[in-house]
């Protein structure tokens, strides 16, 4: 147990929490936007995998982490654009299309990876970090929290930015109306379809970026099916957050803590099977759903297509 109290372990433990928290935070913030606008994106994990593979390949061939991030954003947007065409403009079932996108990109990314890298399994070089003066010198938390890759800081900054967007801008009002009263939004002269499309494109961009973070920063390589259900956890967090980004941040940190416990158990020599330890965060999510699902906020027209001339 003494190994758990060393500063080097605690620093690594906090860093491990961030490695899980950031992709979940980005994907959940994206899902929250689309849900506010009335689009249930069950294909979120497929977008994460598409962004992860695209970002990995781009970074591997160009050597630029930032080009990898940009390519992952483009991949996520293209996938979400496909969903927008099918669900928003053609009014197809959002649940069915979302699941189809998930399975399609799970298989496609695995197929492409095995076709290109099945004999080499390359790894990426470590990404550069930005050290915040003074704060980085703090014991334990300094190097784990204030000497990180820039995208970590960007992800945390997005939380208050999104909270301000929802509460203080016309964009937030339009998003809310697109999910709750799309006919009223349409009557005011704002396009419901465009509002939902922009929201879904933002979801794809953030999901792709979260997937790229997993491949480029957390793992340093792409592994087929590497998200391991993280997209569905992000959907749950977005639903339980009741439209508040800060609750998504808290949930993402808590999930990262629970997932990092498996490492702590191994270091401490506690005889807990790895599979059982990795089940812990998912068990916690189920318990939270049972306890708080009635308090979750879901837009009135979530997962319902809007046809002009209806009064929903």
Protein backbone atom coordinates (compact mmCIF):
# COMPACT_ATOMS: atom_id res chain seq x y z
CA UNK A 1 0.00 0.00 0.00
CA UNK A 2 2.94 2.33 0.57
CA UNK A 3 3.48 2.42 -3.22
CA UNK A 4 0.19 4.29 -3.55
CA UNK A 5 1.43 7.18 -1.39
CA UNK A 6 4.53 8.07 -3.38
CA UNK A 7 4.50 11.37 -5.25
CA UNK A 8 5.55 9.70 -8.50
CA UNK A 9 2.59 7.31 -8.37
CA UNK A 10 0.09 10.02 -7.46
CA UNK A 11 1.37 12.19 -10.30
CA UNK A 12 1.00 9.31 -12.77
CA UNK A 13 -2.43 8.49 -11.32
CA UNK A 14 -3.70 12.04 -11.89
CA UNK A 15 -2.26 12.04 -15.41
CA UNK A 16 -4.05 8.77 -16.09
CA UNK A 17 -7.34 10.29 -14.97
CA UNK A 18 -6.84 13.13 -17.47
CA UNK A 19 -6.05 10.70 -20.30
CA UNK A 20 -9.48 9.13 -19.82
CA UNK A 21 -11.31 12.34 -18.92
CA UNK A 22 -10.38 14.50 -21.93
CA UNK A 23 -11.79 12.35 -24.79
CA UNK A 24 -14.89 11.65 -22.71
CA UNK A 25 -15.29 15.35 -21.93
CA UNK A 26 -14.98 16.38 -25.58
CA UNK A 27 -17.40 13.72 -26.82
CA UNK A 28 -19.93 14.49 -24.06
CA UNK A 29 -19.87 18.23 -24.75
CA UNK A 30 -20.49 17.47 -28.41
CA UNK A 31 -23.34 15.10 -27.63
CA UNK A 32 -24.90 17.69 -25.34
CA UNK A 33 -25.09 20.18 -28.21
CA UNK A 34 -26.84 17.77 -30.57
CA UNK A 35 -29.25 16.60 -27.87
CA UNK A 36 -30.15 20.21 -27.04
CA UNK A 37 -31.04 20.65 -30.71
CA UNK A 38 -33.15 17.48 -30.72
CA UNK A 39 -30.73 15.04 -32.35
CA UNK A 40 -29.87 11.82 -30.50
CA UNK A 41 -26.48 10.73 -31.83
CA UNK A 42 -26.00 7.05 -31.04
CA UNK A 43 -23.25 6.97 -33.66
CA UNK A 44 -21.00 9.05 -31.38
CA UNK A 45 -18.56 6.23 -30.81
CA UNK A 46 -18.27 5.60 -34.54
CA UNK A 47 -17.35 9.27 -34.98
CA UNK A 48 -14.73 8.92 -32.25
CA UNK A 49 -13.21 5.90 -33.97
CA UNK A 50 -13.26 7.65 -37.34
CA UNK A 51 -11.46 10.63 -35.82
CA UNK A 52 -9.02 8.39 -33.97
CA UNK A 53 -7.96 6.48 -37.07
CA UNK A 54 -7.81 9.54 -39.32
CA UNK A 55 -5.81 11.50 -36.76
CA UNK A 56 -3.42 8.61 -36.20
CA UNK A 57 -2.77 8.09 -39.91
CA UNK A 58 -2.31 11.80 -40.58
CA UNK A 59 0.07 12.23 -37.64
CA UNK A 60 2.02 9.10 -38.61
CA UNK A 61 2.65 10.24 -42.18
CA UNK A 62 3.10 13.99 -41.53
CA UNK A 63 4.68 13.95 -38.09
CA UNK A 64 2.35 16.77 -36.97
CA UNK A 65 0.00 16.18 -34.05
CA UNK A 66 -1.98 19.31 -34.94
CA UNK A 67 -2.54 18.17 -38.52
CA UNK A 68 -3.77 14.93 -37.01
CA UNK A 69 -6.22 16.85 -34.84
CA UNK A 70 -7.45 18.88 -37.81
CA UNK A 71 -7.94 15.75 -39.91
CA UNK A 72 -9.88 14.11 -37.07
CA UNK A 73 -12.17 17.15 -36.89
CA UNK A 74 -12.75 16.89 -40.64
CA UNK A 75 -13.47 13.16 -40.37
CA UNK A 76 -15.95 13.70 -37.53
CA UNK A 77 -17.69 16.47 -39.47
CA UNK A 78 -18.00 14.31 -42.58
CA UNK A 79 -19.53 11.45 -40.61
CA UNK A 80 -21.93 13.79 -38.84
CA UNK A 81 -22.83 15.40 -42.17
CA UNK A 82 -23.86 11.95 -43.40
CA UNK A 83 -26.05 11.54 -40.34
CA UNK A 84 -27.49 15.03 -40.81
CA UNK A 85 -28.53 14.29 -44.39
CA UNK A 86 -30.17 11.01 -43.42
CA UNK A 87 -31.81 12.05 -40.14
CA UNK A 88 -32.47 15.79 -40.41
CA UNK A 89 -33.26 16.26 -44.10
CA UNK A 90 -34.55 12.79 -45.03
CA UNK A 91 -36.21 12.33 -41.60
CA UNK A 92 -34.96 8.78 -41.11
CA UNK A 93 -34.93 7.18 -37.68
CA UNK A 94 -32.10 8.66 -35.62
CA UNK A 95 -31.64 5.56 -33.47
CA UNK A 96 -31.32 3.22 -36.43
CA UNK A 97 -28.98 5.52 -38.36
CA UNK A 98 -26.84 6.13 -35.28
CA UNK A 99 -26.38 2.44 -34.60
CA UNK A 100 -25.63 1.83 -38.29
CA UNK A 101 -22.92 4.54 -38.23
CA UNK A 102 -21.45 3.03 -35.09
CA UNK A 103 -21.16 -0.48 -36.55
CA UNK A 104 -20.02 0.80 -39.94
CA UNK A 105 -17.08 2.78 -38.57
CA UNK A 106 -16.15 0.16 -36.02
CA UNK A 107 -15.69 -2.26 -38.90
CA UNK A 108 -14.24 0.23 -41.39
CA UNK A 109 -11.53 1.56 -39.09
CA UNK A 110 -10.53 -1.95 -38.03
CA UNK A 111 -10.40 -3.09 -41.66
CA UNK A 112 -8.30 -0.11 -42.78
CA UNK A 113 -5.90 -0.48 -39.87
CA UNK A 114 -5.30 -4.17 -40.49
CA UNK A 115 -4.90 -3.53 -44.21
CA UNK A 116 -2.25 -0.82 -43.70
CA UNK A 117 -0.50 -1.68 -40.43
CA UNK A 118 -1.16 -5.34 -39.60
CA UNK A 119 2.56 -6.21 -39.75
CA UNK A 120 4.08 -3.05 -38.27
CA UNK A 121 1.75 -1.74 -35.54
CA UNK A 122 3.57 1.64 -35.46
CA UNK A 123 3.61 4.01 -32.52
CA UNK A 124 3.68 7.80 -32.53
CA UNK A 125 6.27 9.92 -30.81
CA UNK A 126 5.26 11.68 -27.61
CA UNK A 127 3.48 15.00 -28.16
CA UNK A 128 4.93 18.25 -26.88
CA UNK A 129 3.47 19.70 -23.70
CA UNK A 130 3.01 23.23 -22.40
CA UNK A 131 4.21 23.93 -18.89
CA UNK A 132 2.40 26.63 -16.94
CA UNK A 133 4.96 28.61 -14.94
CA UNK A 134 4.80 28.44 -11.13
CA UNK A 135 1.81 26.06 -11.13
CA UNK A 136 3.90 23.32 -12.76
CA UNK A 137 6.26 23.44 -9.76
CA UNK A 138 3.56 22.41 -7.30
CA UNK A 139 4.11 18.96 -5.76
CA UNK A 140 2.14 16.07 -7.29
CA UNK A 141 -0.47 18.16 -9.14
CA UNK A 142 2.08 20.40 -10.86
CA UNK A 143 3.41 17.99 -13.47
CA UNK A 144 0.18 16.03 -13.78
CA UNK A 145 -2.19 18.98 -14.29
CA UNK A 146 -0.10 21.92 -15.43
CA UNK A 147 2.39 20.29 -17.80
CA UNK A 148 0.06 18.85 -20.40
CA UNK A 149 -0.62 18.79 -24.11
CA UNK A 150 -2.44 22.00 -25.21
CA UNK A 151 -5.64 20.15 -26.10
CA UNK A 152 -6.08 19.30 -22.41
CA UNK A 153 -6.28 22.99 -21.55
CA UNK A 154 -8.56 23.65 -24.52
CA UNK A 155 -10.98 20.95 -23.37
CA UNK A 156 -11.27 22.48 -19.91
CA UNK A 157 -11.71 25.98 -21.33
CA UNK A 158 -14.59 24.73 -23.49
CA UNK A 159 -16.67 23.98 -20.39
CA UNK A 160 -17.25 27.61 -19.30
CA UNK A 161 -17.41 28.68 -22.95
CA UNK A 162 -20.27 26.27 -23.63
CA UNK A 163 -22.03 27.24 -20.41
CA UNK A 164 -21.89 30.88 -21.51
CA UNK A 165 -23.05 29.93 -25.03
CA UNK A 166 -26.14 28.14 -23.71
CA UNK A 167 -27.10 30.76 -21.15
CA UNK A 168 -26.18 34.11 -22.68
CA UNK A 169 -26.41 33.91 -26.48
CA UNK A 170 -29.05 33.59 -29.18
CA UNK A 171 -27.29 30.44 -30.34
CA UNK A 172 -28.09 28.77 -27.03
CA UNK A 173 -31.72 29.91 -27.27
CA UNK A 174 -31.99 28.57 -30.82
CA UNK A 175 -30.50 25.23 -29.79
CA UNK A 176 -32.96 24.95 -26.92
CA UNK A 177 -35.88 25.84 -29.17
CA UNK A 178 -34.81 23.36 -31.85
CA UNK A 179 -35.05 20.59 -29.27
CA UNK A 180 -38.15 21.71 -27.38
CA UNK A 181 -40.23 23.86 -29.75
CA UNK A 182 -38.93 23.52 -33.30
CA UNK A 183 -42.14 24.89 -34.84
CA UNK A 184 -41.80 28.07 -32.79
CA UNK A 185 -38.19 28.42 -33.89
CA UNK A 186 -39.25 27.94 -37.50
CA UNK A 187 -41.99 30.53 -37.12
CA UNK A 188 -39.42 33.05 -35.85
CA UNK A 189 -37.54 32.77 -39.13
CA UNK A 190 -34.67 30.53 -37.95
CA UNK A 191 -34.15 27.29 -39.85
CA UNK A 192 -34.61 24.26 -37.61
CA UNK A 193 -32.76 22.04 -40.09
CA UNK A 194 -29.74 24.32 -40.24
CA UNK A 195 -29.66 24.73 -36.46
CA UNK A 196 -29.69 20.97 -35.97
CA UNK A 197 -27.13 20.48 -38.74
CA UNK A 198 -24.67 22.94 -37.19
CA UNK A 199 -25.17 21.28 -33.80
CA UNK A 200 -24.53 17.84 -35.25
CA UNK A 201 -21.44 19.03 -37.13
CA UNK A 202 -20.08 20.40 -33.85
CA UNK A 203 -20.79 17.04 -32.24
CA UNK A 204 -18.84 15.26 -34.97
CA UNK A 205 -15.91 17.67 -34.68
CA UNK A 206 -15.62 17.24 -30.91
CA UNK A 207 -16.13 13.47 -31.06
CA UNK A 208 -13.46 13.14 -33.75
CA UNK A 209 -11.12 15.31 -31.69
CA UNK A 210 -11.74 13.17 -28.64
CA UNK A 211 -10.95 10.04 -30.61
CA UNK A 212 -7.77 11.61 -31.96
CA UNK A 213 -6.69 12.46 -28.42
CA UNK A 214 -7.03 8.80 -27.49
CA UNK A 215 -4.94 7.64 -30.45
CA UNK A 216 -2.33 10.41 -30.61
CA UNK A 217 -1.86 11.34 -26.96
CA UNK A 218 -3.24 8.67 -24.62
CA UNK A 219 -2.22 5.50 -26.49
CA UNK A 220 0.28 6.77 -29.06
CA UNK A 221 -1.21 4.37 -31.60
CA UNK A 222 -4.53 3.25 -33.03
CA UNK A 223 -6.15 0.07 -31.77
CA UNK A 224 -9.37 -1.22 -33.37
CA UNK A 225 -12.38 -0.73 -31.07
CA UNK A 226 -10.17 1.31 -28.74
CA UNK A 227 -13.07 3.43 -27.45
CA UNK A 228 -14.51 0.41 -25.58
CA UNK A 229 -17.94 1.91 -24.98
CA UNK A 230 -16.71 5.41 -24.17
CA UNK A 231 -19.13 6.90 -26.69
CA UNK A 232 -22.13 5.46 -24.88
CA UNK A 233 -20.80 6.72 -21.55
CA UNK A 234 -20.58 10.16 -23.17
CA UNK A 235 -24.23 9.92 -24.23
CA UNK A 236 -25.24 9.04 -20.67
CA UNK A 237 -23.23 11.94 -19.23
CA UNK A 238 -24.84 14.36 -21.69
CA UNK A 239 -28.31 13.19 -20.66
CA UNK A 240 -27.64 13.33 -16.92
CA UNK A 241 -25.91 16.73 -17.05
CA UNK A 242 -29.29 18.48 -17.58
CA UNK A 243 -27.80 20.89 -20.09
CA UNK A 244 -24.97 21.99 -17.78
CA UNK A 245 -21.42 21.49 -19.11
CA UNK A 246 -19.91 21.62 -15.61
CA UNK A 247 -21.73 18.42 -14.68
CA UNK A 248 -20.22 16.77 -17.73
CA UNK A 249 -16.77 17.78 -16.49
CA UNK A 250 -17.47 16.35 -13.04
CA UNK A 251 -18.79 13.11 -14.53
CA UNK A 252 -15.82 12.76 -16.88
CA UNK A 253 -13.35 13.25 -14.03
CA UNK A 254 -15.21 10.74 -11.88
CA UNK A 255 -15.26 8.18 -14.71
CA UNK A 256 -11.53 8.72 -15.28
CA UNK A 257 -10.88 8.18 -11.58
CA UNK A 258 -12.89 4.95 -11.54
CA UNK A 259 -11.14 3.61 -14.63
CA UNK A 260 -7.69 4.47 -13.25
CA UNK A 261 -8.37 2.46 -10.11
CA UNK A 262 -7.37 -0.73 -11.93
CA UNK A 263 -3.82 0.61 -12.18
CA UNK A 264 -3.87 1.57 -8.50
CA UNK A 265 -4.99 -1.93 -7.55
CA UNK A 266 -2.16 -3.50 -9.51
CA UNK A 267 0.47 -1.19 -7.99
CA UNK A 268 -0.83 -1.86 -4.48
CA UNK A 269 -0.81 -5.60 -5.07
CA UNK A 270 -4.52 -5.93 -4.38
CA UNK A 271 -5.68 -9.19 -6.02
CA UNK A 272 -8.48 -7.74 -8.16
CA UNK A 273 -8.80 -9.17 -11.71
CA UNK A 274 -8.15 -6.54 -14.37
CA UNK A 275 -11.46 -7.23 -16.09
CA UNK A 276 -13.33 -6.76 -12.81
CA UNK A 277 -11.53 -3.47 -12.14
CA UNK A 278 -12.33 -2.20 -15.64
CA UNK A 279 -16.01 -3.03 -15.07
CA UNK A 280 -16.13 -0.68 -12.09
CA UNK A 281 -16.81 2.59 -13.96
CA UNK A 282 -19.58 0.97 -16.01
CA UNK A 283 -21.18 -0.40 -12.85
CA UNK A 284 -21.00 3.09 -11.38
CA UNK A 285 -22.70 4.50 -14.48
CA UNK A 286 -25.54 1.98 -14.13
CA UNK A 287 -25.98 2.93 -10.47
CA UNK A 288 -26.05 6.63 -11.35
CA UNK A 289 -28.65 5.96 -14.05
CA UNK A 290 -30.86 4.11 -11.58
CA UNK A 291 -30.56 6.86 -8.98
CA UNK A 292 -30.73 9.99 -11.12
CA UNK A 293 -32.33 9.10 -14.47
CA UNK A 294 -35.63 10.74 -13.45
CA UNK A 295 -33.81 14.02 -12.89
CA UNK A 296 -32.21 14.03 -16.32
CA UNK A 297 -33.30 16.65 -18.81
CA UNK A 298 -34.31 15.49 -22.26
CA UNK A 299 -35.65 17.88 -24.91
CA UNK A 300 -39.26 17.32 -25.85
CA UNK A 301 -38.48 16.58 -29.50
CA UNK A 302 -35.29 14.57 -28.92
CA UNK A 303 -34.82 11.94 -31.67
CA UNK A 304 -37.92 13.24 -33.47
CA UNK A 305 -37.58 14.56 -37.04
CA UNK A 306 -39.00 17.98 -37.80
CA UNK A 307 -41.21 18.46 -40.83
CA UNK A 308 -42.14 21.98 -41.67
CA UNK A 309 -45.81 22.64 -41.18
CA UNK A 310 -46.15 20.45 -38.08
CA UNK A 311 -46.86 21.97 -34.69
CA UNK A 312 -44.37 20.05 -32.54
